[in-house]
Protein backbone atom coordinates (compact mmCIF):
# COMPACT_ATOMS: atom_id res chain seq x y z
CA MET A 1 45.25 -38.42 -62.87
CA SER A 2 46.00 -36.52 -59.62
CA ILE A 3 43.38 -35.88 -56.95
CA ALA A 4 42.30 -32.23 -56.50
CA ILE A 5 39.64 -32.64 -53.75
CA GLN A 6 39.38 -35.47 -51.22
CA CYS A 7 36.80 -35.94 -48.45
CA ASP A 8 37.06 -38.72 -45.92
CA SER A 9 34.05 -39.37 -43.65
CA LEU A 10 33.29 -35.66 -43.54
CA CYS A 11 30.74 -34.66 -40.93
CA LYS A 12 29.26 -31.39 -39.63
CA GLN A 13 26.89 -31.16 -36.68
CA TYR A 14 24.99 -28.01 -35.69
CA ARG A 15 23.20 -27.13 -32.45
CA ILE A 16 19.71 -25.82 -32.84
CA GLY A 17 19.13 -22.90 -30.50
CA GLY A 18 20.84 -23.05 -27.21
CA GLN A 19 22.29 -19.49 -27.44
CA ALA A 20 23.67 -18.37 -24.03
CA PRO A 21 21.87 -15.53 -22.26
CA TYR A 22 23.74 -12.30 -21.36
CA GLN A 23 25.35 -12.44 -17.98
CA THR A 24 26.20 -10.01 -15.22
CA ILE A 25 29.77 -9.41 -14.11
CA ARG A 26 29.13 -11.37 -10.97
CA GLU A 27 27.79 -14.38 -12.91
CA SER A 28 30.77 -14.22 -15.28
CA ILE A 29 33.19 -14.42 -12.31
CA VAL A 30 31.34 -17.32 -10.68
CA ASN A 31 31.18 -19.17 -13.98
CA SER A 32 34.90 -18.79 -14.55
CA PHE A 33 35.54 -20.62 -11.24
CA THR A 34 32.98 -23.33 -11.97
CA ALA A 35 34.00 -23.87 -15.63
CA PRO A 36 36.23 -26.90 -15.01
CA PHE A 37 33.46 -28.72 -13.20
CA ARG A 38 30.90 -27.87 -15.85
CA PHE A 39 33.22 -29.00 -18.58
CA THR A 40 33.55 -32.39 -16.89
CA ASN A 41 29.80 -32.66 -16.47
CA ASP A 42 29.25 -31.68 -20.09
CA LEU A 43 31.53 -34.40 -21.27
CA ILE A 44 29.62 -36.98 -19.15
CA ARG A 45 26.26 -35.79 -20.50
CA LYS A 46 27.49 -35.85 -24.10
CA ALA A 47 28.85 -39.36 -23.68
CA ARG A 48 25.44 -40.39 -22.43
CA GLY A 49 23.64 -38.42 -25.14
CA THR A 50 21.81 -36.26 -22.50
CA ASP A 51 23.43 -32.88 -23.00
CA GLY A 52 19.98 -31.38 -23.54
CA GLN A 53 20.74 -29.63 -26.80
CA ASN A 54 18.91 -30.23 -30.08
CA ARG A 55 21.47 -31.15 -32.68
CA PHE A 56 21.34 -32.15 -36.25
CA TRP A 57 23.85 -33.42 -38.79
CA ALA A 58 24.09 -31.06 -41.72
CA LEU A 59 26.59 -33.46 -43.26
CA LYS A 60 27.24 -37.10 -42.11
CA ASP A 61 29.96 -39.44 -43.26
CA VAL A 62 30.53 -37.97 -46.75
CA SER A 63 33.52 -39.41 -48.68
CA PHE A 64 34.50 -38.81 -52.34
CA GLU A 65 37.33 -37.74 -54.57
CA VAL A 66 37.48 -35.25 -57.41
CA GLU A 67 40.19 -35.64 -60.01
CA ALA A 68 42.08 -32.61 -61.31
CA GLY A 69 40.37 -31.16 -64.31
CA ASP A 70 36.92 -32.61 -63.55
CA VAL A 71 33.76 -30.58 -63.46
CA VAL A 72 31.55 -32.12 -60.83
CA GLY A 73 28.02 -31.20 -59.97
CA VAL A 74 26.51 -31.29 -56.47
CA ILE A 75 22.74 -31.72 -56.43
CA GLY A 76 20.04 -32.36 -53.77
CA ARG A 77 17.03 -30.67 -52.32
CA ASN A 78 17.17 -27.69 -49.95
CA GLY A 79 18.79 -28.71 -46.61
CA ALA A 80 20.62 -31.72 -48.23
CA GLY A 81 24.02 -30.32 -47.15
CA LYS A 82 25.32 -28.86 -50.43
CA SER A 83 26.27 -25.41 -49.16
CA THR A 84 27.65 -26.91 -45.93
CA LEU A 85 29.94 -29.11 -47.92
CA LEU A 86 31.34 -26.12 -49.83
CA LYS A 87 31.81 -24.18 -46.59
CA LEU A 88 33.87 -27.07 -45.18
CA LEU A 89 35.94 -27.35 -48.37
CA THR A 90 36.76 -23.55 -48.27
CA GLY A 91 37.59 -23.62 -44.55
CA ILE A 92 34.80 -21.18 -43.58
CA THR A 93 33.63 -23.71 -40.94
CA GLU A 94 35.43 -26.64 -39.39
CA PRO A 95 34.19 -30.23 -39.65
CA THR A 96 32.84 -31.94 -36.61
CA ALA A 97 34.57 -35.12 -37.76
CA GLY A 98 36.36 -36.39 -40.84
CA HIS A 99 38.88 -34.66 -43.06
CA ALA A 100 38.77 -32.67 -46.32
CA SER A 101 41.85 -31.78 -48.35
CA ILE A 102 42.25 -29.62 -51.44
CA HIS A 103 45.36 -29.70 -53.62
CA GLY A 104 45.58 -26.51 -55.62
CA ARG A 105 44.81 -22.76 -55.44
CA VAL A 106 41.17 -22.31 -54.63
CA ALA A 107 38.68 -19.62 -55.49
CA SER A 108 35.02 -19.78 -54.27
CA LEU A 109 31.75 -18.05 -54.96
CA LEU A 110 29.48 -19.11 -52.14
CA GLU A 111 27.32 -16.06 -51.61
CA VAL A 112 27.11 -12.57 -52.94
CA GLY A 113 30.06 -10.47 -51.84
CA THR A 114 31.97 -13.27 -50.04
CA GLY A 115 35.55 -12.13 -49.60
CA PHE A 116 34.84 -8.44 -50.46
CA HIS A 117 35.61 -5.59 -48.07
CA PRO A 118 32.61 -3.23 -48.36
CA GLU A 119 34.70 -0.04 -47.66
CA LEU A 120 37.18 -0.82 -50.46
CA SER A 121 36.56 -0.05 -54.07
CA GLY A 122 35.95 -2.61 -56.80
CA ARG A 123 39.59 -2.06 -57.94
CA GLU A 124 40.99 -2.57 -54.44
CA ASN A 125 38.95 -5.67 -53.87
CA VAL A 126 40.19 -7.23 -57.09
CA TYR A 127 43.82 -6.76 -55.96
CA LEU A 128 43.01 -7.95 -52.45
CA ASN A 129 41.44 -11.11 -53.74
CA GLY A 130 44.29 -11.74 -56.08
CA ALA A 131 46.77 -11.28 -53.16
CA ILE A 132 44.72 -13.78 -51.02
CA LEU A 133 45.02 -16.28 -53.86
CA GLY A 134 48.80 -15.82 -53.86
CA MET A 135 49.04 -14.02 -57.15
CA LYS A 136 51.74 -11.48 -57.87
CA ARG A 137 50.75 -7.86 -58.68
CA HIS A 138 51.73 -8.07 -62.30
CA GLU A 139 49.60 -11.20 -62.70
CA ILE A 140 46.59 -9.33 -61.35
CA VAL A 141 47.27 -6.34 -63.58
CA LYS A 142 47.29 -8.59 -66.60
CA LYS A 143 43.80 -9.88 -65.73
CA PHE A 144 42.31 -6.65 -64.44
CA ASP A 145 40.73 -5.29 -67.55
CA ASP A 146 39.13 -8.63 -68.42
CA ILE A 147 37.63 -8.83 -64.95
CA VAL A 148 36.10 -5.37 -65.12
CA GLN A 149 34.80 -5.87 -68.64
CA PHE A 150 33.25 -9.16 -67.75
CA ALA A 151 31.63 -7.75 -64.67
CA GLU A 152 30.40 -4.69 -66.58
CA VAL A 153 31.39 -2.24 -63.86
CA GLU A 154 33.71 0.01 -65.74
CA ASP A 155 32.08 3.21 -64.59
CA PHE A 156 32.05 2.05 -60.87
CA VAL A 157 35.32 0.25 -60.49
CA ASP A 158 36.68 2.96 -58.18
CA THR A 159 33.50 3.15 -56.05
CA ALA A 160 33.28 1.45 -52.70
CA VAL A 161 31.47 -1.87 -53.17
CA LYS A 162 29.12 -1.16 -50.29
CA HIS A 163 27.40 1.17 -52.81
CA TYR A 164 27.06 -1.58 -55.49
CA SER A 165 23.64 -3.12 -56.31
CA SER A 166 23.41 -6.85 -55.62
CA GLY A 167 23.78 -7.50 -59.32
CA MET A 168 26.95 -5.51 -59.64
CA TYR A 169 28.29 -7.21 -56.53
CA LEU A 170 27.57 -10.57 -58.02
CA ARG A 171 29.03 -9.87 -61.37
CA LEU A 172 32.28 -8.68 -59.96
CA ALA A 173 32.51 -11.51 -57.40
CA PHE A 174 32.20 -14.13 -60.17
CA ALA A 175 34.53 -12.22 -62.49
CA VAL A 176 37.16 -12.19 -59.76
CA ALA A 177 36.71 -15.85 -58.92
CA ALA A 178 36.80 -16.99 -62.55
CA HIS A 179 39.53 -14.74 -63.97
CA LEU A 180 42.29 -14.94 -61.23
CA GLU A 181 43.44 -18.27 -62.45
CA PRO A 182 42.36 -20.57 -59.61
CA GLU A 183 43.26 -24.24 -60.02
CA ILE A 184 39.99 -25.14 -58.25
CA LEU A 185 36.74 -23.21 -58.46
CA LEU A 186 33.88 -23.77 -55.99
CA VAL A 187 30.55 -22.23 -57.11
CA ASP A 188 27.29 -22.30 -55.12
CA GLU A 189 23.75 -21.65 -56.20
CA VAL A 190 24.39 -17.91 -56.03
CA LEU A 191 24.60 -17.77 -59.82
CA ALA A 192 20.80 -18.16 -59.90
CA VAL A 193 20.46 -14.58 -58.48
CA GLY A 194 21.74 -13.04 -61.69
CA ASP A 195 19.66 -12.17 -64.69
CA VAL A 196 19.28 -14.68 -67.45
CA GLY A 197 21.96 -13.03 -69.63
CA PHE A 198 24.49 -13.05 -66.86
CA GLN A 199 23.70 -16.65 -65.92
CA LYS A 200 24.44 -17.75 -69.48
CA LYS A 201 27.67 -15.74 -69.51
CA CYS A 202 28.75 -17.40 -66.23
CA MET A 203 27.93 -20.85 -67.54
CA ASP A 204 29.85 -20.16 -70.73
CA LYS A 205 32.84 -19.10 -68.67
CA VAL A 206 32.67 -22.23 -66.45
CA SER A 207 32.60 -24.31 -69.61
CA GLN A 208 35.58 -22.43 -71.07
CA LEU A 209 37.55 -22.82 -67.78
CA SER A 210 37.05 -26.55 -67.69
CA ARG A 211 37.46 -27.17 -71.43
CA ASN A 212 40.39 -24.94 -72.29
CA ALA A 213 42.11 -24.33 -68.92
CA GLY A 214 41.65 -27.68 -67.33
CA ARG A 215 40.36 -26.21 -64.12
CA THR A 216 38.74 -28.34 -61.46
CA ILE A 217 35.18 -27.15 -60.70
CA LEU A 218 32.62 -28.10 -58.02
CA LEU A 219 29.21 -26.62 -59.02
CA VAL A 220 26.21 -26.64 -56.66
CA SER A 221 22.94 -25.92 -58.50
CA HIS A 222 19.25 -26.75 -58.60
CA ASN A 223 19.34 -26.22 -62.36
CA MET A 224 19.55 -29.71 -63.81
CA GLY A 225 19.97 -28.26 -67.33
CA ALA A 226 23.20 -26.52 -66.30
CA ILE A 227 24.42 -29.55 -64.34
CA SER A 228 23.75 -31.78 -67.33
CA THR A 229 25.55 -29.45 -69.73
CA LEU A 230 28.57 -28.62 -67.64
CA CYS A 231 29.31 -31.65 -65.43
CA ASN A 232 30.78 -34.93 -66.40
CA ARG A 233 30.14 -36.36 -62.98
CA THR A 234 27.71 -35.47 -60.16
CA ILE A 235 27.35 -36.06 -56.44
CA LEU A 236 23.88 -36.49 -54.92
CA LEU A 237 23.26 -35.49 -51.34
CA GLU A 238 20.19 -36.28 -49.25
CA GLN A 239 19.58 -35.26 -45.65
CA GLY A 240 23.29 -34.72 -45.12
CA GLY A 241 24.40 -38.00 -46.59
CA LEU A 242 25.94 -38.96 -49.87
CA ILE A 243 23.47 -41.32 -51.68
CA GLY A 244 24.94 -41.11 -55.19
CA ASN A 245 28.21 -40.42 -56.99
CA GLY A 246 28.46 -41.15 -60.71
CA PRO A 247 27.65 -40.07 -64.28
CA THR A 248 25.56 -36.97 -64.35
CA GLN A 249 22.57 -38.31 -66.20
CA GLU A 250 22.31 -41.28 -63.79
CA MET A 251 22.48 -38.96 -60.79
CA ILE A 252 19.85 -36.62 -62.18
CA SER A 253 17.51 -39.63 -62.75
CA GLN A 254 18.19 -40.81 -59.17
CA TYR A 255 17.49 -37.25 -57.93
CA MET A 256 14.19 -37.15 -59.75
CA SER A 257 13.32 -40.60 -58.33
CA VAL A 258 14.05 -39.38 -54.84
CA THR A 259 11.82 -36.33 -55.42
CA GLU A 260 9.08 -38.60 -56.63
CA ASP A 261 9.43 -40.87 -53.59
CA ARG A 262 9.05 -37.82 -51.30
CA THR A 263 5.88 -36.62 -53.00
CA ASN A 264 4.36 -40.11 -52.50
CA GLN A 265 4.70 -39.73 -48.73
CA THR A 266 1.92 -37.90 -46.83
CA LEU A 267 3.02 -34.60 -45.39
CA ALA A 268 2.35 -35.91 -41.90
CA GLU A 269 5.09 -38.55 -42.58
CA ARG A 270 7.65 -36.06 -43.73
CA THR A 271 10.45 -35.50 -41.22
CA ASP A 272 12.62 -33.38 -43.58
CA ARG A 273 10.77 -30.21 -42.87
CA ARG A 274 12.00 -26.91 -41.52
CA GLY A 275 10.33 -24.57 -38.98
CA ASP A 276 9.29 -24.40 -35.34
CA GLY A 277 6.23 -26.65 -35.96
CA ARG A 278 3.57 -24.47 -34.45
CA LEU A 279 1.69 -24.83 -37.83
CA GLN A 280 2.24 -27.90 -39.98
CA PHE A 281 1.03 -28.54 -43.50
CA THR A 282 -0.87 -31.84 -43.93
CA ASP A 283 -1.78 -31.65 -47.63
CA ALA A 284 -1.32 -29.67 -50.84
CA PHE A 285 -3.53 -30.05 -53.98
CA PHE A 286 -5.26 -28.39 -56.94
CA CYS A 287 -8.80 -27.11 -56.71
CA ASN A 288 -11.00 -25.69 -59.42
CA SER A 289 -12.34 -22.13 -59.13
CA GLU A 290 -15.16 -23.36 -56.89
CA GLY A 291 -12.79 -24.86 -54.34
CA GLN A 292 -13.36 -28.47 -55.26
CA PRO A 293 -10.30 -30.72 -55.37
CA ILE A 294 -9.19 -31.92 -58.87
CA ALA A 295 -6.66 -34.56 -59.87
CA ALA A 296 -5.20 -32.30 -62.70
CA ALA A 297 -5.73 -28.84 -64.13
CA LEU A 298 -6.03 -27.61 -67.65
CA SER A 299 -3.75 -24.98 -69.05
CA GLY A 300 -5.74 -21.76 -69.09
CA ASP A 301 -8.19 -22.71 -66.43
CA ASP A 302 -8.82 -20.69 -63.24
CA VAL A 303 -7.44 -22.80 -60.44
CA GLN A 304 -6.48 -22.65 -56.83
CA ILE A 305 -3.51 -24.22 -54.94
CA ALA A 306 -4.85 -25.43 -51.60
CA LEU A 307 -2.57 -25.84 -48.58
CA ARG A 308 -4.22 -27.69 -45.70
CA PHE A 309 -2.67 -27.16 -42.27
CA GLN A 310 -3.09 -27.92 -38.54
CA VAL A 311 -2.13 -25.73 -35.67
CA GLN A 312 -0.81 -26.73 -32.19
CA ASP A 313 -3.10 -26.13 -29.26
CA ASN A 314 -3.06 -22.72 -27.63
CA VAL A 315 -1.03 -21.28 -30.53
CA GLU A 316 -1.78 -17.90 -32.17
CA LEU A 317 -0.06 -16.93 -35.32
CA ARG A 318 -0.50 -13.25 -36.13
CA SER A 319 -0.23 -12.03 -39.80
CA PRO A 320 0.99 -15.37 -41.19
CA LEU A 321 2.71 -15.32 -44.65
CA PHE A 322 2.07 -18.22 -47.01
CA LYS A 323 4.05 -18.86 -50.15
CA PHE A 324 4.95 -21.69 -52.55
CA PHE A 325 7.73 -22.24 -55.11
CA LEU A 326 6.87 -24.17 -58.28
CA ARG A 327 9.56 -26.11 -60.09
CA ASP A 328 9.69 -28.31 -63.14
CA THR A 329 10.93 -31.86 -63.09
CA TYR A 330 14.53 -30.68 -63.50
CA GLY A 331 14.35 -28.52 -60.44
CA ASN A 332 14.18 -25.17 -62.31
CA MET A 333 12.08 -22.61 -60.44
CA LEU A 334 9.38 -21.28 -62.65
CA PHE A 335 7.63 -18.85 -60.28
CA ILE A 336 6.75 -17.94 -56.70
CA CYS A 337 3.32 -17.14 -55.24
CA SER A 338 3.51 -15.25 -51.98
CA SER A 339 0.91 -13.55 -49.81
CA LYS A 340 3.54 -10.99 -48.99
CA LEU A 341 4.20 -10.09 -52.67
CA THR A 342 0.44 -9.61 -53.20
CA GLY A 343 -0.02 -7.68 -49.90
CA ASP A 344 -2.84 -9.99 -48.75
CA GLN A 345 -3.48 -9.43 -45.06
CA LEU A 346 -4.34 -12.75 -43.60
CA SER A 347 -6.15 -13.15 -40.29
CA THR A 348 -4.64 -14.45 -37.13
CA ILE A 349 -4.60 -18.25 -37.06
CA THR A 350 -5.58 -20.21 -34.02
CA LYS A 351 -6.80 -23.49 -35.45
CA GLY A 352 -6.41 -25.68 -38.53
CA GLY A 353 -7.73 -24.86 -42.04
CA ILE A 354 -6.82 -24.36 -45.62
CA ALA A 355 -4.88 -21.55 -47.28
CA TYR A 356 -6.04 -20.99 -50.91
CA CYS A 357 -3.98 -19.29 -53.63
CA SER A 358 -6.06 -18.38 -56.66
CA ILE A 359 -4.36 -18.41 -60.04
CA PRO A 360 -6.38 -17.00 -62.92
CA ARG A 361 -5.78 -18.67 -66.31
CA LEU A 362 -3.12 -21.20 -65.27
CA PRO A 363 -0.12 -20.40 -67.55
CA LEU A 364 1.61 -23.74 -67.27
CA VAL A 365 2.01 -26.05 -70.20
CA GLU A 366 1.29 -29.80 -70.06
CA GLY A 367 3.54 -31.68 -67.59
CA GLU A 368 4.24 -32.45 -63.97
CA TYR A 369 5.45 -29.86 -61.45
CA PHE A 370 6.59 -29.85 -57.85
CA LEU A 371 5.71 -27.48 -54.98
CA GLU A 372 7.75 -26.29 -52.06
CA ILE A 373 5.33 -24.84 -49.51
CA ASN A 374 6.12 -22.43 -46.72
CA CYS A 375 4.47 -20.53 -43.84
CA ALA A 376 6.36 -17.87 -41.97
CA VAL A 377 5.63 -15.25 -39.31
CA ASP A 378 7.49 -11.98 -38.33
CA GLY A 379 8.89 -11.65 -41.78
CA TYR A 380 11.10 -14.67 -42.42
CA HIS A 381 10.66 -16.92 -39.27
CA TYR A 382 9.74 -20.28 -40.63
CA VAL A 383 6.83 -22.05 -39.03
CA ASP A 384 6.83 -24.86 -41.58
CA ASP A 385 8.62 -25.41 -44.92
CA ILE A 386 8.59 -28.55 -47.00
CA THR A 387 10.44 -29.12 -50.29
CA ASP A 388 8.73 -31.30 -52.95
CA ALA A 389 5.62 -31.27 -50.86
CA ALA A 390 3.36 -32.25 -53.65
CA LYS A 391 3.44 -33.15 -57.36
CA ILE A 392 0.84 -31.42 -59.50
CA THR A 393 -0.30 -32.43 -63.04
CA VAL A 394 -1.23 -29.98 -65.79
CA VAL A 395 -2.89 -31.27 -68.90
CA ARG A 396 -3.05 -29.68 -72.34
CA GLY A 397 -5.76 -26.97 -72.57
CA ASP A 398 -6.65 -24.23 -75.10
CA TYR A 399 -4.97 -21.32 -73.28
CA PHE A 400 -5.47 -18.76 -76.03
CA GLY A 401 -8.89 -20.09 -77.21
CA THR A 402 -7.53 -20.66 -80.67
CA GLN A 403 -6.86 -24.42 -80.65
CA SER A 404 -3.22 -23.47 -81.38
CA GLN A 405 -0.22 -24.30 -79.26
CA TYR A 406 3.51 -25.08 -79.37
CA LYS A 407 4.87 -28.32 -77.97
CA HIS A 408 7.76 -27.20 -75.74
CA PRO A 409 7.39 -23.70 -74.23
CA TYR A 410 7.85 -23.30 -70.53
CA MET A 411 4.60 -21.42 -69.94
CA TYR A 412 2.09 -19.24 -71.72
CA ILE A 413 1.60 -15.51 -71.22
CA ASP A 414 -1.12 -13.27 -72.52
CA HIS A 415 -0.07 -11.28 -75.54
CA LYS A 416 -1.43 -9.67 -78.68
CA TRP A 417 0.17 -8.88 -82.03
CA SER A 418 -0.37 -6.00 -84.43
CA VAL A 419 1.53 -4.67 -87.38
CA VAL A 420 1.97 -0.93 -88.42
CA GLN A 421 3.22 -0.69 -91.97
CA ASP A 422 5.48 2.09 -93.20
CA ARG A 423 3.64 4.93 -94.99
């Protein structure tokens, strides 16, 4: 079997901050004369590891091969390097070290609208993308109706895509990537943005491409159900490194084990957090309605999620925003609780404390769940963000007060039935 994708010791390093300030004309002239000397000094400092810049490895020494016709999943927590890997493979960014080679015509769907020109119509963008892929016009014409029908944009195909909703943008982007006969398709988590019906439609198309057309597909997702269904092999990334490469079920089990290991660490020990660190979470746990910590919660009980934090000395955080994402053991996001969504105006924070989120009648069914917790200021500037910060346990309760329940729903919702018979 021929090799479609090959990565050899692939690395990508980014610099945190360090953006150069604006300069006057005089400073620019002076800098042009001193540039050779500064370049030499920079080389010396870098060789000594003292260049004064904060750097991190988004991807470090990643090597693997994907055979033609394989459907390979890429999994890992947020910040593991999944999206960076796809950007390197598509040439959006260059590797710091190592090499990646792709053998075949590539289409990618990395984020909504990638590769679209906003001033062009949907029709024009379809032809543009086909030309970029090296297709002849008659080949694009043959596929055009299928693309438009799949994307459900028949009435807007001659409208500039800058006027599309995000859903329309996404549908057309996927339809173009999937229908223009790429030999290799790279798909990022962007599919999670669509509605449930469209997600299923996309997954069915991916399955069809791999099964009937023999396409090579690299699929990044947090949805372990989709990975399990579509991928015969999976790559597991953790903190920029490849820690697993093998059969999908084995990799999912390893991913869940890594997640479990992280939640067993105290939050103070966690180094895989994002944010400027002015506030840092130190604990996350369930409380009952009176604010007393509990080991587990009953379905249907009034509960609180408590996020304990500490604040650096002489720091003032105005109008902080707290939120958490709750996922099941397969990484599927079930819901988000956010102080921004509820419009809760929180007071300025100058010292440590606990942020409480009250949830009336907990709708979760029996099982274990994982929290990603986050604090931000000024809209979306992260102060602290930790994936898999805590594992919480829910035990079976009488949510409806009827002693009746199903075994495998995702969650409960309040509802009431009635029947009106024909007269």
